[in-house]
Structures are given as C-alpha cells and as structure tokens.
PDB file of N, CA and C in Angstrom:
ATOM      1  N   MET A   1      96.020-142.606 111.787  1.00  0.00           N
ATOM      2  CA  MET A   1      95.998-143.060 110.426  1.00  0.00           C
ATOM      3  C   MET A   1      97.115-142.523 109.627  1.00  0.00           C
ATOM      4  N   PHE A   2      97.476-141.273 109.810  1.00  0.00           N
ATOM      5  CA  PHE A   2      98.613-140.759 109.097  1.00  0.00           C
ATOM      6  C   PHE A   2      99.890-141.408 109.380  1.00  0.00           C
ATOM      7  N   PHE A   3     100.164-141.625 110.642  1.00  0.00           N
ATOM      8  CA  PHE A   3     101.419-142.276 110.996  1.00  0.00           C
ATOM      9  C   PHE A   3     101.472-143.692 110.512  1.00  0.00           C
ATOM     10  N   ARG A   4     100.375-144.402 110.524  1.00  0.00           N
ATOM     11  CA  ARG A   4     100.363-145.799 110.044  1.00  0.00           C
ATOM     12  C   ARG A   4     100.651-145.738 108.556  1.00  0.00           C
ATOM     13  N   ASP A   5     100.022-144.855 107.818  1.00  0.00           N
ATOM     14  CA  ASP A   5     100.356-144.800 106.375  1.00  0.00           C
ATOM     15  C   ASP A   5     101.794-144.355 106.094  1.00  0.00           C
ATOM     16  N   LEU A   6     102.312-143.463 106.916  1.00  0.00           N
ATOM     17  CA  LEU A   6     103.621-142.939 106.736  1.00  0.00           C
ATOM     18  C   LEU A   6     104.592-144.054 106.950  1.00  0.00           C
ATOM     19  N   PHE A   7     104.449-144.770 107.990  1.00  0.00           N
ATOM     20  CA  PHE A   7     105.278-145.858 108.335  1.00  0.00           C
ATOM     21  C   PHE A   7     105.248-146.966 107.319  1.00  0.00           C
ATOM     22  N   THR A   8     104.088-147.214 106.781  1.00  0.00           N
ATOM     23  CA  THR A   8     103.929-148.267 105.735  1.00  0.00           C
ATOM     24  C   THR A   8     104.689-147.850 104.492  1.00  0.00           C
ATOM     25  N   VAL A   9     104.514-146.586 104.081  1.00  0.00           N
ATOM     26  CA  VAL A   9     105.379-146.073 102.978  1.00  0.00           C
ATOM     27  C   VAL A   9     106.815-146.196 103.281  1.00  0.00           C
ATOM     28  N   LEU A  10     107.224-145.787 104.423  1.00  0.00           N
ATOM     29  CA  LEU A  10     108.644-145.741 104.771  1.00  0.00           C
ATOM     30  C   LEU A  10     109.214-147.159 104.770  1.00  0.00           C
ATOM     31  N   TRP A  11     108.482-148.130 105.352  1.00  0.00           N
ATOM     32  CA  TRP A  11     108.929-149.493 105.367  1.00  0.00           C
ATOM     33  C   TRP A  11     108.999-150.150 103.970  1.00  0.00           C
ATOM     34  N   SER A  12     107.998-149.757 103.089  1.00  0.00           N
ATOM     35  CA  SER A  12     108.100-150.281 101.791  1.00  0.00           C
ATOM     36  C   SER A  12     109.270-149.730 101.036  1.00  0.00           C
ATOM     37  N   LEU A  13     109.656-148.436 101.243  1.00  0.00           N
ATOM     38  CA  LEU A  13     110.769-147.879 100.645  1.00  0.00           C
ATOM     39  C   LEU A  13     112.071-148.537 101.107  1.00  0.00           C
ATOM     40  N   LEU A  14     111.938-149.040 102.315  1.00  0.00           N
ATOM     41  CA  LEU A  14     113.220-149.737 102.821  1.00  0.00           C
ATOM     42  C   LEU A  14     113.641-150.860 101.968  1.00  0.00           C
ATOM     43  N   PHE A  15     112.769-151.452 101.288  1.00  0.00           N
ATOM     44  CA  PHE A  15     113.110-152.640 100.493  1.00  0.00           C
ATOM     45  C   PHE A  15     113.406-152.230  99.073  1.00  0.00           C
ATOM     46  N   ILE A  16     112.835-151.175  98.559  1.00  0.00           N
ATOM     47  CA  ILE A  16     112.954-150.766  97.264  1.00  0.00           C
ATOM     48  C   ILE A  16     114.335-150.076  97.064  1.00  0.00           C
ATOM     49  N   ILE A  17     114.648-149.140  97.887  1.00  0.00           N
ATOM     50  CA  ILE A  17     115.885-148.340  97.776  1.00  0.00           C
ATOM     51  C   ILE A  17     117.069-149.230  97.861  1.00  0.00           C
ATOM     52  N   PRO A  18     117.218-150.097  98.881  1.00  0.00           N
ATOM     53  CA  PRO A  18     118.374-150.990  98.996  1.00  0.00           C
ATOM     54  C   PRO A  18     118.546-151.931  97.682  1.00  0.00           C
ATOM     55  N   GLY A  19     117.369-152.317  97.125  1.00  0.00           N
ATOM     56  CA  GLY A  19     117.459-153.106  95.884  1.00  0.00           C
ATOM     57  C   GLY A  19     118.098-152.312  94.730  1.00  0.00           C
ATOM     58  N   ILE A  20     117.674-150.980  94.604  1.00  0.00           N
ATOM     59  CA  ILE A  20     118.250-150.152  93.563  1.00  0.00           C
ATOM     60  C   ILE A  20     119.729-150.033  93.804  1.00  0.00           C
ATOM     61  N   VAL A  21     120.166-149.794  95.145  1.00  0.00           N
ATOM     62  CA  VAL A  21     121.592-149.637  95.497  1.00  0.00           C
ATOM     63  C   VAL A  21     122.334-150.892  95.043  1.00  0.00           C
ATOM     64  N   LYS A  22     121.819-152.056  95.409  1.00  0.00           N
ATOM     65  CA  LYS A  22     122.505-153.206  95.125  1.00  0.00           C
ATOM     66  C   LYS A  22     122.615-153.513  93.652  1.00  0.00           C
ATOM     67  N   ALA A  23     121.558-153.089  92.810  1.00  0.00           N
ATOM     68  CA  ALA A  23     121.594-153.252  91.435  1.00  0.00           C
ATOM     69  C   ALA A  23     122.720-152.452  90.810  1.00  0.00           C
ATOM     70  N   TYR A  24     122.932-151.282  91.377  1.00  0.00           N
ATOM     71  CA  TYR A  24     124.087-150.388  90.868  1.00  0.00           C
ATOM     72  C   TYR A  24     125.409-150.978  91.349  1.00  0.00           C
ATOM     73  N   GLU A  25     125.386-151.618  92.531  1.00  0.00           N
ATOM     74  CA  GLU A  25     126.715-152.124  93.123  1.00  0.00           C
ATOM     75  C   GLU A  25     127.157-153.280  92.282  1.00  0.00           C
ATOM     76  N   TYR A  26     126.219-154.116  91.716  1.00  0.00           N
ATOM     77  CA  TYR A  26     126.543-155.266  90.987  1.00  0.00           C
ATOM     78  C   TYR A  26     126.454-155.097  89.441  1.00  0.00           C
ATOM     79  N   MET A  27     126.358-153.887  88.951  1.00  0.00           N
ATOM     80  CA  MET A  27     126.120-153.634  87.496  1.00  0.00           C
ATOM     81  C   MET A  27     127.384-154.010  86.665  1.00  0.00           C
ATOM     82  N   MET A  28     128.502-154.111  87.280  1.00  0.00           N
ATOM     83  CA  MET A  28     129.702-154.376  86.508  1.00  0.00           C
ATOM     84  C   MET A  28     130.139-155.771  86.272  1.00  0.00           C
ATOM     85  N   ILE A  29     129.194-156.716  86.944  1.00  0.00           N
ATOM     86  CA  ILE A  29     129.491-158.130  86.977  1.00  0.00           C
ATOM     87  C   ILE A  29     129.569-158.685  85.519  1.00  0.00           C
ATOM     88  N   PRO A  30     128.653-158.433  84.615  1.00  0.00           N
ATOM     89  CA  PRO A  30     128.766-158.972  83.232  1.00  0.00           C
ATOM     90  C   PRO A  30     130.099-158.557  82.566  1.00  0.00           C
ATOM     91  N   TYR A  31     130.551-157.358  82.734  1.00  0.00           N
ATOM     92  CA  TYR A  31     131.752-156.877  82.100  1.00  0.00           C
ATOM     93  C   TYR A  31     132.944-157.538  82.719  1.00  0.00           C
ATOM     94  N   LEU A  32     132.976-157.666  84.037  1.00  0.00           N
ATOM     95  CA  LEU A  32     134.025-158.340  84.743  1.00  0.00           C
ATOM     96  C   LEU A  32     134.141-159.814  84.169  1.00  0.00           C
ATOM     97  N   LEU A  33     133.160-160.476  84.076  1.00  0.00           N
ATOM     98  CA  LEU A  33     133.157-161.897  83.653  1.00  0.00           C
ATOM     99  C   LEU A  33     133.487-161.978  82.283  1.00  0.00           C
ATOM    100  N   ALA A  34     133.090-161.017  81.375  1.00  0.00           N
ATOM    101  CA  ALA A  34     133.580-161.052  79.951  1.00  0.00           C
ATOM    102  C   ALA A  34     135.045-160.790  79.827  1.00  0.00           C
ATOM    103  N   ASP A  35     135.484-159.888  80.704  1.00  0.00           N
ATOM    104  CA  ASP A  35     136.912-159.495  80.669  1.00  0.00           C
ATOM    105  C   ASP A  35     137.805-160.540  81.295  1.00  0.00           C
ATOM    106  N   ASN A  36     137.322-161.235  82.276  1.00  0.00           N
ATOM    107  CA  ASN A  36     138.139-162.185  83.049  1.00  0.00           C
ATOM    108  C   ASN A  36     137.315-163.493  83.177  1.00  0.00           C
ATOM    109  N   PRO A  37     137.338-164.341  82.170  1.00  0.00           N
ATOM    110  CA  PRO A  37     136.528-165.608  82.254  1.00  0.00           C
ATOM    111  C   PRO A  37     136.896-166.559  83.367  1.00  0.00           C
ATOM    112  N   GLN A  38     138.135-166.486  83.851  1.00  0.00           N
ATOM    113  CA  GLN A  38     138.504-167.405  84.869  1.00  0.00           C
ATOM    114  C   GLN A  38     138.084-166.877  86.309  1.00  0.00           C
ATOM    115  N   MET A  39     137.471-165.667  86.333  1.00  0.00           N
ATOM    116  CA  MET A  39     137.048-165.142  87.620  1.00  0.00           C
ATOM    117  C   MET A  39     135.818-165.901  88.203  1.00  0.00           C
ATOM    118  N   THR A  40     135.689-166.195  89.390  1.00  0.00           N
ATOM    119  CA  THR A  40     134.708-166.912  90.030  1.00  0.00           C
ATOM    120  C   THR A  40     133.502-165.893  90.315  1.00  0.00           C
ATOM    121  N   LYS A  41     132.393-166.485  90.549  1.00  0.00           N
ATOM    122  CA  LYS A  41     131.201-165.743  90.847  1.00  0.00           C
ATOM    123  C   LYS A  41     131.408-164.808  92.081  1.00  0.00           C
ATOM    124  N   GLU A  42     131.962-165.351  93.139  1.00  0.00           N
ATOM    125  CA  GLU A  42     132.262-164.579  94.284  1.00  0.00           C
ATOM    126  C   GLU A  42     133.183-163.438  94.138  1.00  0.00           C
ATOM    127  N   GLN A  43     134.264-163.714  93.272  1.00  0.00           N
ATOM    128  CA  GLN A  43     135.274-162.695  92.987  1.00  0.00           C
ATOM    129  C   GLN A  43     134.608-161.571  92.112  1.00  0.00           C
ATOM    130  N   ALA A  44     133.716-161.950  91.228  1.00  0.00           N
ATOM    131  CA  ALA A  44     133.083-160.954  90.365  1.00  0.00           C
ATOM    132  C   ALA A  44     132.136-160.040  91.193  1.00  0.00           C
ATOM    133  N   PHE A  45     131.413-160.590  92.167  1.00  0.00           N
ATOM    134  CA  PHE A  45     130.609-159.805  93.016  1.00  0.00           C
ATOM    135  C   PHE A  45     131.423-158.867  93.860  1.00  0.00           C
ATOM    136  N   ALA A  46     132.503-159.466  94.415  1.00  0.00           N
ATOM    137  CA  ALA A  46     133.336-158.495  95.281  1.00  0.00           C
ATOM    138  C   ALA A  46     134.041-157.442  94.467  1.00  0.00           C
ATOM    139  N   GLU A  47     134.547-157.773  93.347  1.00  0.00           N
ATOM    140  CA  GLU A  47     135.212-156.827  92.421  1.00  0.00           C
ATOM    141  C   GLU A  47     134.269-155.693  91.958  1.00  0.00           C
ATOM    142  N   SER A  48     133.012-156.173  91.581  1.00  0.00           N
ATOM    143  CA  SER A  48     132.012-155.166  91.179  1.00  0.00           C
ATOM    144  C   SER A  48     131.617-154.246  92.301  1.00  0.00           C
ATOM    145  N   LYS A  49     131.531-154.748  93.470  1.00  0.00           N
ATOM    146  CA  LYS A  49     131.262-153.964  94.656  1.00  0.00           C
ATOM    147  C   LYS A  49     132.312-152.912  94.912  1.00  0.00           C
ATOM    148  N   ARG A  50     133.541-153.430  94.784  1.00  0.00           N
ATOM    149  CA  ARG A  50     134.741-152.551  95.001  1.00  0.00           C
ATOM    150  C   ARG A  50     134.837-151.419  93.906  1.00  0.00           C
ATOM    151  N   MET A  51     134.614-151.801  92.676  1.00  0.00           N
ATOM    152  CA  MET A  51     134.644-150.842  91.545  1.00  0.00           C
ATOM    153  C   MET A  51     133.612-149.737  91.710  1.00  0.00           C
ATOM    154  N   MET A  52     132.429-150.176  92.095  1.00  0.00           N
ATOM    155  CA  MET A  52     131.349-149.222  92.141  1.00  0.00           C
ATOM    156  C   MET A  52     131.304-148.339  93.436  1.00  0.00           C
ATOM    157  N   GLN A  53     132.222-148.688  94.350  1.00  0.00           N
ATOM    158  CA  GLN A  53     132.220-147.843  95.640  1.00  0.00           C
ATOM    159  C   GLN A  53     132.516-146.468  95.298  1.00  0.00           C
ATOM    160  N   GLY A  54     131.550-145.599  95.739  1.00  0.00           N
ATOM    161  CA  GLY A  54     131.720-144.206  95.480  1.00  0.00           C
ATOM    162  C   GLY A  54     131.256-143.808  94.101  1.00  0.00           C
ATOM    163  N   GLN A  55     130.800-144.708  93.200  1.00  0.00           N
ATOM    164  CA  GLN A  55     130.436-144.424  91.869  1.00  0.00           C
ATOM    165  C   GLN A  55     128.966-144.650  91.556  1.00  0.00           C
ATOM    166  N   LYS A  56     128.187-145.184  92.597  1.00  0.00           N
ATOM    167  CA  LYS A  56     126.838-145.591  92.290  1.00  0.00           C
ATOM    168  C   LYS A  56     125.990-144.398  91.964  1.00  0.00           C
ATOM    169  N   TRP A  57     126.121-143.330  92.659  1.00  0.00           N
ATOM    170  CA  TRP A  57     125.360-142.137  92.314  1.00  0.00           C
ATOM    171  C   TRP A  57     125.664-141.611  90.908  1.00  0.00           C
ATOM    172  N   LYS A  58     126.848-141.624  90.527  1.00  0.00           N
ATOM    173  CA  LYS A  58     127.263-141.217  89.182  1.00  0.00           C
ATOM    174  C   LYS A  58     126.639-142.108  88.105  1.00  0.00           C
ATOM    175  N   ALA A  59     126.576-143.377  88.405  1.00  0.00           N
ATOM    176  CA  ALA A  59     126.042-144.428  87.457  1.00  0.00           C
ATOM    177  C   ALA A  59     124.463-144.149  87.403  1.00  0.00           C
ATOM    178  N   PHE A  60     123.865-143.858  88.510  1.00  0.00           N
ATOM    179  CA  PHE A  60     122.435-143.623  88.573  1.00  0.00           C
ATOM    180  C   PHE A  60     122.082-142.356  87.759  1.00  0.00           C
ATOM    181  N   VAL A  61     122.889-141.326  87.967  1.00  0.00           N
ATOM    182  CA  VAL A  61     122.701-140.071  87.175  1.00  0.00           C
ATOM    183  C   VAL A  61     122.883-140.354  85.607  1.00  0.00           C
ATOM    184  N   LEU A  62     123.793-141.147  85.392  1.00  0.00           N
ATOM    185  CA  LEU A  62     124.088-141.539  83.941  1.00  0.00           C
ATOM    186  C   LEU A  62     122.927-142.273  83.382  1.00  0.00           C
ATOM    187  N   ASP A  63     122.313-143.149  84.130  1.00  0.00           N
ATOM    188  CA  ASP A  63     121.052-143.868  83.743  1.00  0.00           C
ATOM    189  C   ASP A  63     119.871-142.885  83.615  1.00  0.00           C
ATOM    190  N   LEU A  64     119.834-141.904  84.426  1.00  0.00           N
ATOM    191  CA  LEU A  64     118.789-140.947  84.359  1.00  0.00           C
ATOM    192  C   LEU A  64     118.794-140.168  82.994  1.00  0.00           C
ATOM    193  N   SER A  65     119.987-140.057  82.482  1.00  0.00           N
ATOM    194  CA  SER A  65     120.131-139.299  81.284  1.00  0.00           C
ATOM    195  C   SER A  65     119.452-140.024  80.033  1.00  0.00           C
ATOM    196  N   PHE A  66     119.111-141.294  80.225  1.00  0.00           N
ATOM    197  CA  PHE A  66     118.503-142.062  79.230  1.00  0.00           C
ATOM    198  C   PHE A  66     116.907-141.975  79.317  1.00  0.00           C
ATOM    199  N   ILE A  67     116.443-141.197  80.215  1.00  0.00           N
ATOM    200  CA  ILE A  67     114.872-141.150  80.290  1.00  0.00           C
ATOM    201  C   ILE A  67     114.195-140.694  79.076  1.00  0.00           C
ATOM    202  N   GLY A  68     114.733-139.696  78.423  1.00  0.00           N
ATOM    203  CA  GLY A  68     114.187-139.174  77.211  1.00  0.00           C
ATOM    204  C   GLY A  68     114.180-140.262  76.075  1.00  0.00           C
ATOM    205  N   TRP A  69     115.258-141.026  76.088  1.00  0.00           N
ATOM    206  CA  TRP A  69     115.250-142.152  75.022  1.00  0.00           C
ATOM    207  C   TRP A  69     114.231-143.147  75.356  1.00  0.00           C
ATOM    208  N   TYR A  70     113.924-143.482  76.683  1.00  0.00           N
ATOM    209  CA  TYR A  70     112.952-144.474  76.945  1.00  0.00           C
ATOM    210  C   TYR A  70     111.548-143.922  76.712  1.00  0.00           C
ATOM    211  N   ILE A  71     111.355-142.685  76.862  1.00  0.00           N
ATOM    212  CA  ILE A  71     110.065-142.055  76.618  1.00  0.00           C
ATOM    213  C   ILE A  71     109.810-142.130  75.024  1.00  0.00           C
ATOM    214  N   LEU A  72     110.811-141.824  74.296  1.00  0.00           N
ATOM    215  CA  LEU A  72     110.756-141.878  72.835  1.00  0.00           C
ATOM    216  C   LEU A  72     110.459-143.294  72.437  1.00  0.00           C
ATOM    217  N   SER A  73     111.099-144.200  73.148  1.00  0.00           N
ATOM    218  CA  SER A  73     110.894-145.648  72.743  1.00  0.00           C
ATOM    219  C   SER A  73     109.491-146.084  73.086  1.00  0.00           C
ATOM    220  N   GLY A  74     108.907-145.530  74.145  1.00  0.00           N
ATOM    221  CA  GLY A  74     107.487-145.869  74.522  1.00  0.00           C
ATOM    222  C   GLY A  74     106.536-145.315  73.392  1.00  0.00           C
ATOM    223  N   LEU A  75     106.897-144.337  72.780  1.00  0.00           N
ATOM    224  CA  LEU A  75     106.068-143.653  71.701  1.00  0.00           C
ATOM    225  C   LEU A  75     106.068-144.597  70.475  1.00  0.00           C
ATOM    226  N   THR A  76     107.138-145.283  70.336  1.00  0.00           N
ATOM    227  CA  THR A  76     107.266-146.156  69.121  1.00  0.00           C
ATOM    228  C   THR A  76     106.967-147.669  69.523  1.00  0.00           C
ATOM    229  N   LEU A  77     106.342-147.887  70.618  1.00  0.00           N
ATOM    230  CA  LEU A  77     105.943-149.202  71.127  1.00  0.00           C
ATOM    231  C   LEU A  77     107.139-150.212  71.335  1.00  0.00           C
ATOM    232  N   GLY A  78     108.228-149.646  71.719  1.00  0.00           N
ATOM    233  CA  GLY A  78     109.442-150.347  72.042  1.00  0.00           C
ATOM    234  C   GLY A  78     110.319-150.731  70.907  1.00  0.00           C
ATOM    235  N   ILE A  79     109.909-150.414  69.669  1.00  0.00           N
ATOM    236  CA  ILE A  79     110.777-150.708  68.538  1.00  0.00           C
ATOM    237  C   ILE A  79     112.037-149.894  68.625  1.00  0.00           C
ATOM    238  N   PHE A  80     111.994-148.687  69.008  1.00  0.00           N
ATOM    239  CA  PHE A  80     113.147-147.792  69.054  1.00  0.00           C
ATOM    240  C   PHE A  80     114.140-148.304  70.107  1.00  0.00           C
ATOM    241  N   ALA A  81     113.544-148.980  71.172  1.00  0.00           N
ATOM    242  CA  ALA A  81     114.480-149.429  72.254  1.00  0.00           C
ATOM    243  C   ALA A  81     115.246-150.645  71.778  1.00  0.00           C
ATOM    244  N   ILE A  82     114.570-151.499  70.984  1.00  0.00           N
ATOM    245  CA  ILE A  82     115.312-152.675  70.539  1.00  0.00           C
ATOM    246  C   ILE A  82     116.536-152.362  69.657  1.00  0.00           C
ATOM    247  N   PHE A  83     116.396-151.461  68.761  1.00  0.00           N
ATOM    248  CA  PHE A  83     117.360-151.142  67.702  1.00  0.00           C
ATOM    249  C   PHE A  83     118.326-150.088  68.172  1.00  0.00           C
ATOM    250  N   TYR A  84     117.906-149.075  69.024  1.00  0.00           N
ATOM    251  CA  TYR A  84     118.740-147.903  69.319  1.00  0.00           C
ATOM    252  C   TYR A  84     119.072-147.724  70.800  1.00  0.00           C
ATOM    253  N   VAL A  85     118.123-147.736  71.619  1.00  0.00           N
ATOM    254  CA  VAL A  85     118.221-147.468  73.046  1.00  0.00           C
ATOM    255  C   VAL A  85     118.970-148.430  73.812  1.00  0.00           C
ATOM    256  N   SER A  86     118.680-149.676  73.694  1.00  0.00           N
ATOM    257  CA  SER A  86     119.386-150.767  74.425  1.00  0.00           C
ATOM    258  C   SER A  86     120.808-150.936  73.993  1.00  0.00           C
ATOM    259  N   PRO A  87     121.142-150.895  72.747  1.00  0.00           N
ATOM    260  CA  PRO A  87     122.629-150.860  72.364  1.00  0.00           C
ATOM    261  C   PRO A  87     123.376-149.682  72.886  1.00  0.00           C
ATOM    262  N   TYR A  88     122.692-148.528  72.952  1.00  0.00           N
ATOM    263  CA  TYR A  88     123.308-147.255  73.333  1.00  0.00           C
ATOM    264  C   TYR A  88     123.539-147.343  74.891  1.00  0.00           C
ATOM    265  N   VAL A  89     122.596-147.818  75.656  1.00  0.00           N
ATOM    266  CA  VAL A  89     122.752-148.007  77.077  1.00  0.00           C
ATOM    267  C   VAL A  89     123.814-149.045  77.376  1.00  0.00           C
ATOM    268  N   ASN A  90     123.844-150.006  76.662  1.00  0.00           N
ATOM    269  CA  ASN A  90     124.857-151.084  77.020  1.00  0.00           C
ATOM    270  C   ASN A  90     126.313-150.715  76.605  1.00  0.00           C
ATOM    271  N   ALA A  91     126.311-149.871  75.488  1.00  0.00           N
ATOM    272  CA  ALA A  91     127.716-149.411  75.169  1.00  0.00           C
ATOM    273  C   ALA A  91     128.112-148.306  76.199  1.00  0.00           C
ATOM    274  N   THR A  92     127.266-147.527  76.693  1.00  0.00           N
ATOM    275  CA  THR A  92     127.545-146.532  77.716  1.00  0.00           C
ATOM    276  C   THR A  92     128.005-147.243  79.027  1.00  0.00           C
ATOM    277  N   HIS A  93     127.341-148.303  79.416  1.00  0.00           N
ATOM    278  CA  HIS A  93     127.727-149.056  80.618  1.00  0.00           C
ATOM    279  C   HIS A  93     129.070-149.717  80.352  1.00  0.00           C
ATOM    280  N   ALA A  94     129.366-150.249  79.155  1.00  0.00           N
ATOM    281  CA  ALA A  94     130.667-150.733  78.881  1.00  0.00           C
ATOM    282  C   ALA A  94     131.753-149.643  78.958  1.00  0.00           C
ATOM    283  N   ALA A  95     131.475-148.485  78.447  1.00  0.00           N
ATOM    284  CA  ALA A  95     132.320-147.318  78.542  1.00  0.00           C
ATOM    285  C   ALA A  95     132.572-146.993  80.045  1.00  0.00           C
ATOM    286  N   LEU A  96     131.577-147.019  80.890  1.00  0.00           N
ATOM    287  CA  LEU A  96     131.742-146.805  82.229  1.00  0.00           C
ATOM    288  C   LEU A  96     132.674-147.817  82.946  1.00  0.00           C
ATOM    289  N   TYR A  97     132.456-149.093  82.526  1.00  0.00           N
ATOM    290  CA  TYR A  97     133.322-150.186  82.977  1.00  0.00           C
ATOM    291  C   TYR A  97     134.829-149.886  82.659  1.00  0.00           C
ATOM    292  N   GLU A  98     135.109-149.451  81.416  1.00  0.00           N
ATOM    293  CA  GLU A  98     136.359-149.145  80.928  1.00  0.00           C
ATOM    294  C   GLU A  98     137.004-147.992  81.744  1.00  0.00           C
ATOM    295  N   ALA A  99     136.154-147.006  82.026  1.00  0.00           N
ATOM    296  CA  ALA A  99     136.634-145.808  82.736  1.00  0.00           C
ATOM    297  C   ALA A  99     136.995-146.177  84.194  1.00  0.00           C
ATOM    298  N   LEU A 100     136.156-146.990  84.759  1.00  0.00           N
ATOM    299  CA  LEU A 100     136.446-147.541  86.125  1.00  0.00           C
ATOM    300  C   LEU A 100     137.686-148.355  86.165  1.00  0.00           C
ATOM    301  N   CYS A 101     137.852-149.160  85.074  1.00  0.00           N
ATOM    302  CA  CYS A 101     139.167-149.981  85.048  1.00  0.00           C
ATOM    303  C   CYS A 101     140.390-149.108  84.934  1.00  0.00           C
ATOM    304  N   TYR A 102     140.288-148.020  84.090  1.00  0.00           N
ATOM    305  CA  TYR A 102     141.481-147.209  83.869  1.00  0.00           C
ATOM    306  C   TYR A 102     141.682-146.330  85.078  1.00  0.00           C
ATOM    307  N   ALA A 103     140.637-146.028  85.828  1.00  0.00           N
ATOM    308  CA  ALA A 103     140.684-145.066  87.060  1.00  0.00           C
ATOM    309  C   ALA A 103     141.479-145.924  88.112  1.00  0.00           C
ATOM    310  N   ASN A 104     141.295-147.278  88.166  1.00  0.00           N
ATOM    311  CA  ASN A 104     141.924-148.039  89.194  1.00  0.00           C
ATOM    312  C   ASN A 104     142.526-149.227  88.476  1.00  0.00           C
ATOM    313  N   PRO A 105     143.732-149.154  87.852  1.00  0.00           N
ATOM    314  CA  PRO A 105     144.248-150.325  87.051  1.00  0.00           C
ATOM    315  C   PRO A 105     144.658-151.509  87.838  1.00  0.00           C
ATOM    316  N   ALA A 106     144.772-151.433  89.186  1.00  0.00           N
ATOM    317  CA  ALA A 106     145.047-152.635  89.940  1.00  0.00           C
ATOM    318  C   ALA A 106     143.777-153.446  90.242  1.00  0.00           C
ATOM    319  N   GLY A 107     142.623-152.885  89.761  1.00  0.00           N
ATOM    320  CA  GLY A 107     141.374-153.588  90.072  1.00  0.00           C
ATOM    321  C   GLY A 107     141.147-154.876  89.204  1.00  0.00           C
ATOM    322  N   SER A 108     140.316-154.787  88.223  1.00  0.00           N
ATOM    323  CA  SER A 108     139.897-155.954  87.544  1.00  0.00           C
ATOM    324  C   SER A 108     140.998-156.604  86.658  1.00  0.00           C
ATOM    325  N   ASN A 109     141.899-155.809  86.186  1.00  0.00           N
ATOM    326  CA  ASN A 109     143.009-156.332  85.394  1.00  0.00           C
ATOM    327  C   ASN A 109     143.966-157.192  86.201  1.00  0.00           C
ATOM    328  N   GLY A 110     144.149-156.856  87.426  1.00  0.00           N
ATOM    329  CA  GLY A 110     145.077-157.645  88.218  1.00  0.00           C
ATOM    330  C   GLY A 110     144.371-158.367  89.418  1.00  0.00           C
ATOM    331  N   PHE A 111     143.130-158.832  89.144  1.00  0.00           N
ATOM    332  CA  PHE A 111     142.316-159.349  90.295  1.00  0.00           C
ATOM    333  C   PHE A 111     143.080-160.603  90.757  1.00  0.00           C
TER     334      PHE A 111
END
C-alpha cells in the first residue's frame, strides 16, 4: 500500500512540476510580443525559452517574494490584489524582462 501511494504521488507530481517549469519558461511571451509586434508565435515561444534558460529558478524565487502580498490580499477578499498586488507583480515581471533583455542585448532586440 505504501509504495502504491508513493508512486501515485510521484506520478502526479510528474505532471505538476513540468507544468510549473513550462509556465516560467514561457512567462516572457507577452512582453516579447508587446516589444516586437512583428514576431510570430513560434519565434516568441523560442525566444522566451532562450531568455529564461538558467533564469527560471530566480523568477520562481522572485514570485515567492509576493506570498505575503497575496496573503494580505486574501484578508481583504481580493480587493487589495486588484488595485495593488497585480500591478506590482506585472511591473516586476516587466522589469525582469528588461533586465533579461539588457543582460543579453542580441536576444529580443535583434531577433
């Protein structure tokens, strides 16, 4: 019974963890498309994947820093998230995009 439950949990994690990794791999797509409207969908996916290579863990830790804000937002029934937390998170992700662009200038600017 133990091993059955263990394998069930491990296999269920197999689909959750890769989903989280892919979400961070593709998190720069909206910023790439806003910065380069002529970029195709396939190019945006490939460029986001390239930009986030080696940066996914840092982006995850950055998102973990917002946990307190989300808890505070839960206490205000989401009102705080609408006016403060979501714009703050989006601005931080945009700043991350800019930092990644400046770290590798041959990336999205010269796609």
